[in-house]
Amino acid sequence: MLPLLRLPSNVILHTIRLMDMSEILGLSLTSKKCKQIVINAKSRADFFQVIIGSSINFVVRNSPMEMGLAFSFTDEETSSPKRLRAPNSVRISTTNLANPIEMMMDPWVLSPSFDFKKWLDHIRSVFHLQDTMGYVQFVQTLIPFDLNDIKKVFGNTHELDVFHTGSYEYNQLILKEFLPVKNFSVDPEVFQDSRVPKNILIQNFDTFMIGFHNEDFGTMKLEDLLLMNSKDIDVRSLEISSKEFNKFLKLWIQGAMPQLEYLSIIFAIIVEEDEVMNGINYQKNPSERIFRRQGDREEYIIPDGMDFHRKDGLKATVQINYDFHENYFELFVFHDHCVVSQL
């Protein structure tokens, strides 16, 4: 019996709440009783990620603390695709994001009966995560996992992030198995011609991010942007000029992309503000504002902006900022369901 468990229940719960995440996880794995006590302590995580590459990693975050779980297998399969077996060990690391010094623990040897489904259920229970998977990320790998196995365990996700895995065929299988999702991030390199296809551009994602893992600005065009039906769009791979920005805004004023709430474009060239806003009736707003999408905890600070209106009266503001080698174009659309307030 752990000395901790001999203390009064309120003292036990208070002590657990003072532990870091690796200590909480370790205690919860000790016994069913300890797991229930940890659950009762209600130590919540605000972020959970599964990274799938040559192995499987978990990331659990309760800001500013982050815990990483790197799972290992003693006998690595050489055939492709490899089956998703129970891991033999896990190495735990913890990082304080406010003061990024990583603390690495010795590997824990695991029971062969504790497979990834049990790990997933355990992490969800202990850190009070939602029923959905959260954030699944596919990265480069030499020998990919069997996607049927991956889908059975990690398929219930609302957020998908896909790097080029090293195999275009495997990339396509991932998209086929996991789309549609609520939030989607993808690199153009996932596709053989480095162009995101139309059947993906037109999908209705809440958040759609393109090209944030690479430095290539030239893989998308304005016509690709105009095909999108997502609410929050972040694009890094767009090749666009001042005149094309102007054309886009005028098309939006006429009713294009009616569902759009926020658009961010990172681009390489310098654009002229007068050319971007040419022929558009706008007013500069010097006051700082806070913008938040419905159901989104993230807040955007709008330090200034150029306010204008769609033909139906809907208000929006544009910001153009320059930062070393990257330039930023942001469009905020003030739908009734979005929250806008003065600082």
Protein backbone atom coordinates (compact mmCIF):
# COMPACT_ATOMS: atom_id res chain seq x y z
CA MET A 1 0.00 0.00 0.00
CA LEU A 2 1.37 3.40 -0.93
CA PRO A 3 1.82 5.78 2.05
CA LEU A 4 -0.15 8.34 0.03
CA LEU A 5 -3.26 6.17 0.23
CA ARG A 6 -3.19 6.20 4.04
CA LEU A 7 -3.87 9.94 4.07
CA PRO A 8 -7.36 11.47 4.29
CA SER A 9 -9.11 11.54 0.92
CA ASN A 10 -9.09 15.32 0.61
CA VAL A 11 -5.32 15.36 1.25
CA ILE A 12 -4.77 12.61 -1.32
CA LEU A 13 -6.68 14.55 -3.98
CA HIS A 14 -4.82 17.77 -3.16
CA THR A 15 -1.47 15.96 -3.38
CA ILE A 16 -2.33 14.46 -6.77
CA ARG A 17 -3.27 17.89 -8.12
CA LEU A 18 0.24 19.08 -7.22
CA MET A 19 1.90 16.25 -9.17
CA ASP A 20 3.25 16.64 -12.69
CA MET A 21 1.59 14.66 -15.46
CA SER A 22 4.14 11.84 -15.51
CA GLU A 23 3.64 11.27 -11.77
CA ILE A 24 -0.13 11.29 -12.21
CA LEU A 25 0.13 8.79 -15.07
CA GLY A 26 2.50 6.56 -13.11
CA LEU A 27 0.21 6.52 -10.08
CA SER A 28 -2.85 5.77 -12.23
CA LEU A 29 -1.13 2.68 -13.68
CA THR A 30 -0.36 1.24 -10.25
CA SER A 31 -3.79 -0.29 -9.60
CA LYS A 32 -7.47 0.11 -10.42
CA LYS A 33 -7.96 1.83 -7.06
CA CYS A 34 -5.19 4.33 -7.81
CA LYS A 35 -6.61 4.98 -11.25
CA GLN A 36 -10.01 5.82 -9.76
CA ILE A 37 -8.43 8.12 -7.16
CA VAL A 38 -6.54 9.94 -9.92
CA ILE A 39 -9.74 10.30 -11.95
CA ASN A 40 -11.46 11.75 -8.86
CA ALA A 41 -8.67 14.35 -8.58
CA LYS A 42 -9.84 15.73 -11.97
CA SER A 43 -6.44 16.65 -13.38
CA ARG A 44 -7.47 17.68 -16.86
CA ALA A 45 -5.50 17.92 -20.09
CA ASP A 46 -6.33 20.57 -22.68
CA PHE A 47 -4.57 18.94 -25.65
CA PHE A 48 -3.98 15.39 -26.84
CA GLN A 49 -2.07 14.35 -29.95
CA VAL A 50 -1.15 11.02 -31.52
CA ILE A 51 1.87 11.05 -33.86
CA ILE A 52 2.07 8.11 -36.25
CA GLY A 53 5.33 7.48 -38.09
CA SER A 54 7.89 4.72 -37.67
CA SER A 55 6.51 4.33 -34.16
CA ILE A 56 3.63 5.81 -32.13
CA ASN A 57 3.98 8.84 -29.87
CA PHE A 58 1.43 10.52 -27.62
CA VAL A 59 1.54 14.17 -26.55
CA VAL A 60 -0.60 15.24 -23.58
CA ARG A 61 -0.66 18.90 -22.55
CA ASN A 62 -2.02 20.79 -19.59
CA SER A 63 -0.55 24.20 -20.31
CA PRO A 64 2.17 25.06 -19.62
CA MET A 65 3.17 21.43 -18.94
CA GLU A 66 3.53 18.90 -21.74
CA MET A 67 4.13 15.16 -21.48
CA GLY A 68 5.41 12.99 -24.31
CA LEU A 69 5.05 9.21 -24.50
CA ALA A 70 7.36 7.52 -27.02
CA PHE A 71 6.37 3.87 -27.45
CA SER A 72 8.84 1.19 -28.58
CA PHE A 73 8.70 -2.37 -29.87
CA THR A 74 11.44 -4.92 -29.17
CA ASP A 75 11.01 -6.80 -32.43
CA GLU A 76 10.44 -4.30 -35.22
CA GLU A 77 8.65 -5.73 -38.24
CA THR A 78 10.41 -5.38 -41.59
CA SER A 79 7.40 -6.19 -43.76
CA SER A 80 5.15 -3.41 -44.99
CA PRO A 81 2.60 -2.55 -43.75
CA LYS A 82 3.43 -3.55 -40.18
CA ARG A 83 0.74 -4.57 -37.71
CA LEU A 84 -0.08 -2.35 -34.75
CA ARG A 85 1.00 -4.53 -31.81
CA ALA A 86 1.06 -3.76 -28.12
CA PRO A 87 4.20 -1.73 -27.27
CA ASN A 88 6.95 -3.27 -25.15
CA SER A 89 8.10 -0.06 -23.48
CA VAL A 90 7.42 3.65 -23.25
CA ARG A 91 9.75 6.54 -22.52
CA ILE A 92 8.13 9.50 -20.77
CA SER A 93 9.32 13.08 -21.15
CA THR A 94 7.92 16.24 -19.57
CA THR A 95 8.47 19.82 -20.65
CA ASN A 96 7.47 23.14 -19.14
CA LEU A 97 6.57 25.16 -22.25
CA ALA A 98 7.09 28.40 -20.36
CA ASN A 99 10.69 27.33 -19.63
CA PRO A 100 11.44 24.66 -22.24
CA ILE A 101 13.74 22.20 -20.47
CA GLU A 102 12.86 18.58 -21.26
CA MET A 103 13.02 15.99 -18.48
CA MET A 104 13.45 12.44 -19.77
CA MET A 105 12.65 9.35 -17.71
CA ASP A 106 14.00 5.82 -18.05
CA PRO A 107 11.80 3.58 -20.22
CA TRP A 108 8.92 1.79 -18.53
CA VAL A 109 8.59 -1.89 -19.43
CA LEU A 110 4.97 -2.59 -20.30
CA SER A 111 2.62 -5.53 -19.97
CA PRO A 112 2.07 -7.28 -23.33
CA SER A 113 -1.67 -7.16 -22.70
CA PHE A 114 -1.71 -3.34 -22.52
CA ASP A 115 -2.31 -2.50 -26.18
CA PHE A 116 -2.87 0.92 -27.74
CA LYS A 117 -6.63 0.74 -27.34
CA LYS A 118 -6.13 0.34 -23.58
CA TRP A 119 -3.53 3.13 -23.55
CA LEU A 120 -5.95 5.41 -25.34
CA ASP A 121 -8.82 4.62 -22.99
CA HIS A 122 -6.53 5.07 -19.98
CA ILE A 123 -5.19 8.47 -21.06
CA ARG A 124 -8.70 9.69 -21.84
CA SER A 125 -10.03 8.60 -18.47
CA VAL A 126 -7.16 9.86 -16.34
CA PHE A 127 -6.90 13.28 -18.00
CA HIS A 128 -10.64 13.75 -18.67
CA LEU A 129 -10.34 14.04 -22.42
CA GLN A 130 -13.36 14.00 -24.72
CA ASP A 131 -14.60 10.85 -26.41
CA THR A 132 -13.15 11.89 -29.76
CA MET A 133 -9.51 11.12 -30.47
CA GLY A 134 -8.35 14.70 -30.70
CA TYR A 135 -5.39 15.39 -32.93
CA VAL A 136 -3.88 12.65 -35.15
CA GLN A 137 -0.71 13.43 -37.09
CA PHE A 138 0.95 11.27 -39.75
CA VAL A 139 4.66 11.87 -40.40
CA GLN A 140 7.41 10.33 -42.52
CA THR A 141 8.11 6.63 -42.05
CA LEU A 142 10.10 3.90 -43.79
CA ILE A 143 7.71 1.08 -42.89
CA PRO A 144 4.14 2.32 -42.37
CA PHE A 145 1.60 0.77 -40.04
CA ASP A 146 -1.37 -1.17 -41.34
CA LEU A 147 -4.04 1.52 -41.74
CA ASN A 148 -6.85 -0.87 -40.83
CA ASP A 149 -5.19 -1.34 -37.44
CA ILE A 150 -4.61 2.41 -37.07
CA LYS A 151 -8.18 3.23 -38.03
CA LYS A 152 -9.65 0.80 -35.48
CA VAL A 153 -7.75 2.43 -32.62
CA PHE A 154 -7.28 6.07 -33.65
CA GLY A 155 -10.03 6.55 -36.23
CA ASN A 156 -12.46 8.52 -34.07
CA THR A 157 -10.65 11.83 -34.58
CA HIS A 158 -11.87 15.33 -35.37
CA GLU A 159 -8.45 16.74 -36.26
CA LEU A 160 -6.01 15.36 -38.85
CA ASP A 161 -2.53 16.60 -39.82
CA VAL A 162 -0.73 14.87 -42.71
CA PHE A 163 2.93 15.26 -43.68
CA HIS A 164 4.38 13.45 -46.69
CA THR A 165 4.92 9.97 -45.24
CA GLY A 166 7.40 8.98 -47.96
CA SER A 167 4.79 7.08 -49.97
CA TYR A 168 2.19 8.83 -52.15
CA GLU A 169 0.09 5.66 -52.13
CA TYR A 170 0.07 5.56 -48.33
CA ASN A 171 -0.74 9.30 -48.22
CA GLN A 172 -3.84 8.67 -50.33
CA LEU A 173 -4.90 5.76 -48.16
CA ILE A 174 -4.69 7.99 -45.07
CA LEU A 175 -6.92 10.61 -46.68
CA LYS A 176 -9.37 7.97 -47.85
CA GLU A 177 -9.64 6.38 -44.39
CA PHE A 178 -9.70 9.51 -42.22
CA LEU A 179 -11.50 12.24 -44.18
CA PRO A 180 -13.82 13.99 -43.58
CA VAL A 181 -12.77 15.54 -40.27
CA LYS A 182 -13.59 18.80 -38.51
CA ASN A 183 -10.08 20.29 -38.71
CA PHE A 184 -7.56 19.35 -41.41
CA SER A 185 -3.93 20.30 -42.05
CA VAL A 186 -1.96 19.01 -45.03
CA ASP A 187 1.25 19.68 -46.93
CA PRO A 188 1.06 20.01 -50.72
CA GLU A 189 3.97 17.50 -50.87
CA VAL A 190 1.46 14.84 -49.81
CA PHE A 191 0.30 14.88 -53.45
CA GLN A 192 2.48 13.86 -56.39
CA ASP A 193 2.12 17.15 -58.25
CA SER A 194 2.29 19.18 -54.99
CA ARG A 195 -1.23 20.51 -55.66
CA VAL A 196 -4.10 19.93 -53.24
CA PRO A 197 -6.85 18.34 -55.38
CA LYS A 198 -10.26 19.90 -55.94
CA ASN A 199 -12.15 17.14 -54.11
CA ILE A 200 -10.31 18.12 -50.91
CA LEU A 201 -10.36 21.90 -51.42
CA ILE A 202 -14.17 21.92 -51.66
CA GLN A 203 -14.76 20.05 -48.39
CA ASN A 204 -16.43 21.84 -45.48
CA PHE A 205 -13.77 21.88 -42.78
CA ASP A 206 -14.07 24.10 -39.73
CA THR A 207 -10.34 24.77 -40.00
CA PHE A 208 -8.24 24.07 -43.09
CA MET A 209 -4.46 24.60 -42.97
CA ILE A 210 -2.25 24.11 -46.02
CA GLY A 211 1.53 24.09 -46.30
CA PHE A 212 2.65 24.95 -42.77
CA HIS A 213 5.39 22.30 -42.66
CA ASN A 214 7.32 23.53 -45.69
CA GLU A 215 8.90 26.67 -47.14
CA ASP A 216 7.44 26.49 -50.65
CA PHE A 217 5.19 29.45 -51.48
CA GLY A 218 4.36 28.54 -55.07
CA THR A 219 2.10 25.47 -55.05
CA MET A 220 -1.34 27.14 -54.88
CA LYS A 221 -3.13 29.75 -56.97
CA LEU A 222 -6.01 32.15 -56.41
CA GLU A 223 -8.43 29.80 -58.19
CA ASP A 224 -7.59 27.10 -55.62
CA LEU A 225 -8.43 29.47 -52.77
CA LEU A 226 -11.79 30.35 -54.32
CA LEU A 227 -12.80 26.68 -54.38
CA MET A 228 -12.58 26.35 -50.60
CA ASN A 229 -15.68 26.00 -48.42
CA SER A 230 -14.05 26.06 -44.98
CA LYS A 231 -14.71 28.55 -42.19
CA ASP A 232 -11.13 29.12 -41.01
CA ILE A 233 -8.45 28.92 -43.72
CA ASP A 234 -4.69 29.20 -43.13
CA VAL A 235 -2.54 28.98 -46.27
CA ARG A 236 1.21 29.16 -46.59
CA SER A 237 1.67 27.81 -50.12
CA LEU A 238 -0.20 30.50 -52.07
CA GLU A 239 1.42 32.41 -54.92
CA ILE A 240 -0.50 35.68 -55.16
CA SER A 241 0.01 39.29 -56.25
CA SER A 242 -1.48 42.62 -55.12
CA LYS A 243 -3.94 42.56 -58.01
CA GLU A 244 -5.03 39.02 -57.17
CA PHE A 245 -5.59 39.98 -53.53
CA ASN A 246 -7.75 42.83 -54.85
CA LYS A 247 -9.65 40.47 -57.14
CA PHE A 248 -10.24 38.07 -54.25
CA LEU A 249 -11.66 40.80 -51.99
CA LYS A 250 -13.97 42.05 -54.73
CA LEU A 251 -15.24 38.52 -55.35
CA TRP A 252 -15.84 38.10 -51.61
CA ILE A 253 -17.78 41.38 -51.57
CA GLN A 254 -19.97 39.97 -54.35
CA GLY A 255 -20.73 36.84 -52.32
CA ALA A 256 -17.87 34.37 -52.88
CA MET A 257 -16.96 32.04 -49.97
CA PRO A 258 -20.01 33.05 -47.84
CA GLN A 259 -19.10 30.66 -45.00
CA LEU A 260 -15.63 32.20 -44.47
CA GLU A 261 -14.94 33.54 -40.98
CA TYR A 262 -11.15 33.93 -40.96
CA LEU A 263 -8.48 33.77 -43.66
CA SER A 264 -4.72 33.91 -43.12
CA ILE A 265 -2.26 33.83 -46.00
CA ILE A 266 1.52 33.79 -45.59
CA PHE A 267 3.19 34.91 -48.80
CA ALA A 268 6.67 35.79 -50.03
CA ILE A 269 6.35 38.97 -52.09
CA ILE A 270 5.71 42.54 -50.95
CA VAL A 271 2.24 43.76 -51.90
CA GLU A 272 1.06 47.34 -52.08
CA GLU A 273 -1.81 48.14 -49.73
CA ASP A 274 -3.26 50.69 -52.17
CA GLU A 275 -3.34 48.07 -54.94
CA VAL A 276 -4.92 45.45 -52.65
CA MET A 277 -7.75 47.85 -51.68
CA ASN A 278 -8.09 49.57 -55.07
CA GLY A 279 -11.74 50.25 -55.92
CA ILE A 280 -12.97 49.05 -52.51
CA ASN A 281 -14.78 51.44 -50.18
CA TYR A 282 -13.00 50.98 -46.85
CA GLN A 283 -12.14 52.84 -43.67
CA LYS A 284 -8.98 52.43 -41.58
CA ASN A 285 -9.72 51.44 -37.99
CA PRO A 286 -6.84 52.26 -35.60
CA SER A 287 -8.44 50.70 -32.50
CA GLU A 288 -7.47 47.26 -31.19
CA ARG A 289 -10.13 44.58 -31.27
CA ILE A 290 -10.51 40.95 -30.15
CA PHE A 291 -11.96 38.44 -32.62
CA ARG A 292 -13.11 34.91 -31.77
CA ARG A 293 -14.91 32.37 -33.90
CA GLN A 294 -18.00 30.64 -32.50
CA GLY A 295 -17.01 27.66 -30.34
CA ASP A 296 -13.30 28.51 -30.63
CA ARG A 297 -11.27 29.29 -27.52
CA GLU A 298 -8.51 30.97 -29.53
CA GLU A 299 -8.67 34.76 -29.63
CA TYR A 300 -7.14 36.91 -32.37
CA ILE A 301 -5.92 40.40 -31.59
CA ILE A 302 -6.65 42.84 -34.43
CA PRO A 303 -4.33 45.82 -33.73
CA ASP A 304 -5.78 47.87 -36.61
CA GLY A 305 -7.29 47.07 -39.98
CA MET A 306 -9.15 48.27 -43.05
CA ASP A 307 -12.89 47.84 -42.52
CA PHE A 308 -15.23 47.25 -45.47
CA HIS A 309 -18.55 45.52 -46.18
CA ARG A 310 -19.93 42.73 -48.34
CA LYS A 311 -22.80 43.65 -50.64
CA ASP A 312 -25.30 42.31 -48.06
CA GLY A 313 -23.84 44.60 -45.35
CA LEU A 314 -21.65 42.02 -43.56
CA LYS A 315 -18.59 43.75 -42.11
CA ALA A 316 -15.00 42.52 -42.44
CA THR A 317 -11.51 43.87 -41.87
CA VAL A 318 -8.20 43.23 -43.62
CA GLN A 319 -4.71 43.35 -42.14
CA ILE A 320 -1.44 43.21 -44.08
CA ASN A 321 1.73 42.80 -42.04
CA TYR A 322 5.38 42.26 -42.92
CA ASP A 323 7.76 40.18 -40.81
CA PHE A 324 11.27 39.53 -42.18
CA HIS A 325 10.92 36.93 -44.98
CA GLU A 326 7.22 36.23 -44.39
CA ASN A 327 4.31 38.53 -45.07
CA TYR A 328 0.83 38.10 -43.64
CA PHE A 329 -2.61 38.82 -45.09
CA GLU A 330 -5.52 38.35 -42.69
CA LEU A 331 -9.25 38.71 -43.33
CA PHE A 332 -11.64 38.73 -40.36
CA VAL A 333 -15.36 38.39 -41.15
CA PHE A 334 -17.69 39.73 -38.47
CA HIS A 335 -20.57 37.25 -38.70
CA ASP A 336 -23.24 37.60 -36.01
CA HIS A 337 -22.06 34.35 -34.43
CA CYS A 338 -18.45 35.57 -34.18
CA VAL A 339 -17.39 37.57 -31.14
CA VAL A 340 -15.81 40.98 -31.73
CA SER A 341 -14.97 43.32 -28.86
CA GLN A 342 -12.82 46.40 -28.25
CA LEU A 343 -9.68 46.13 -26.17
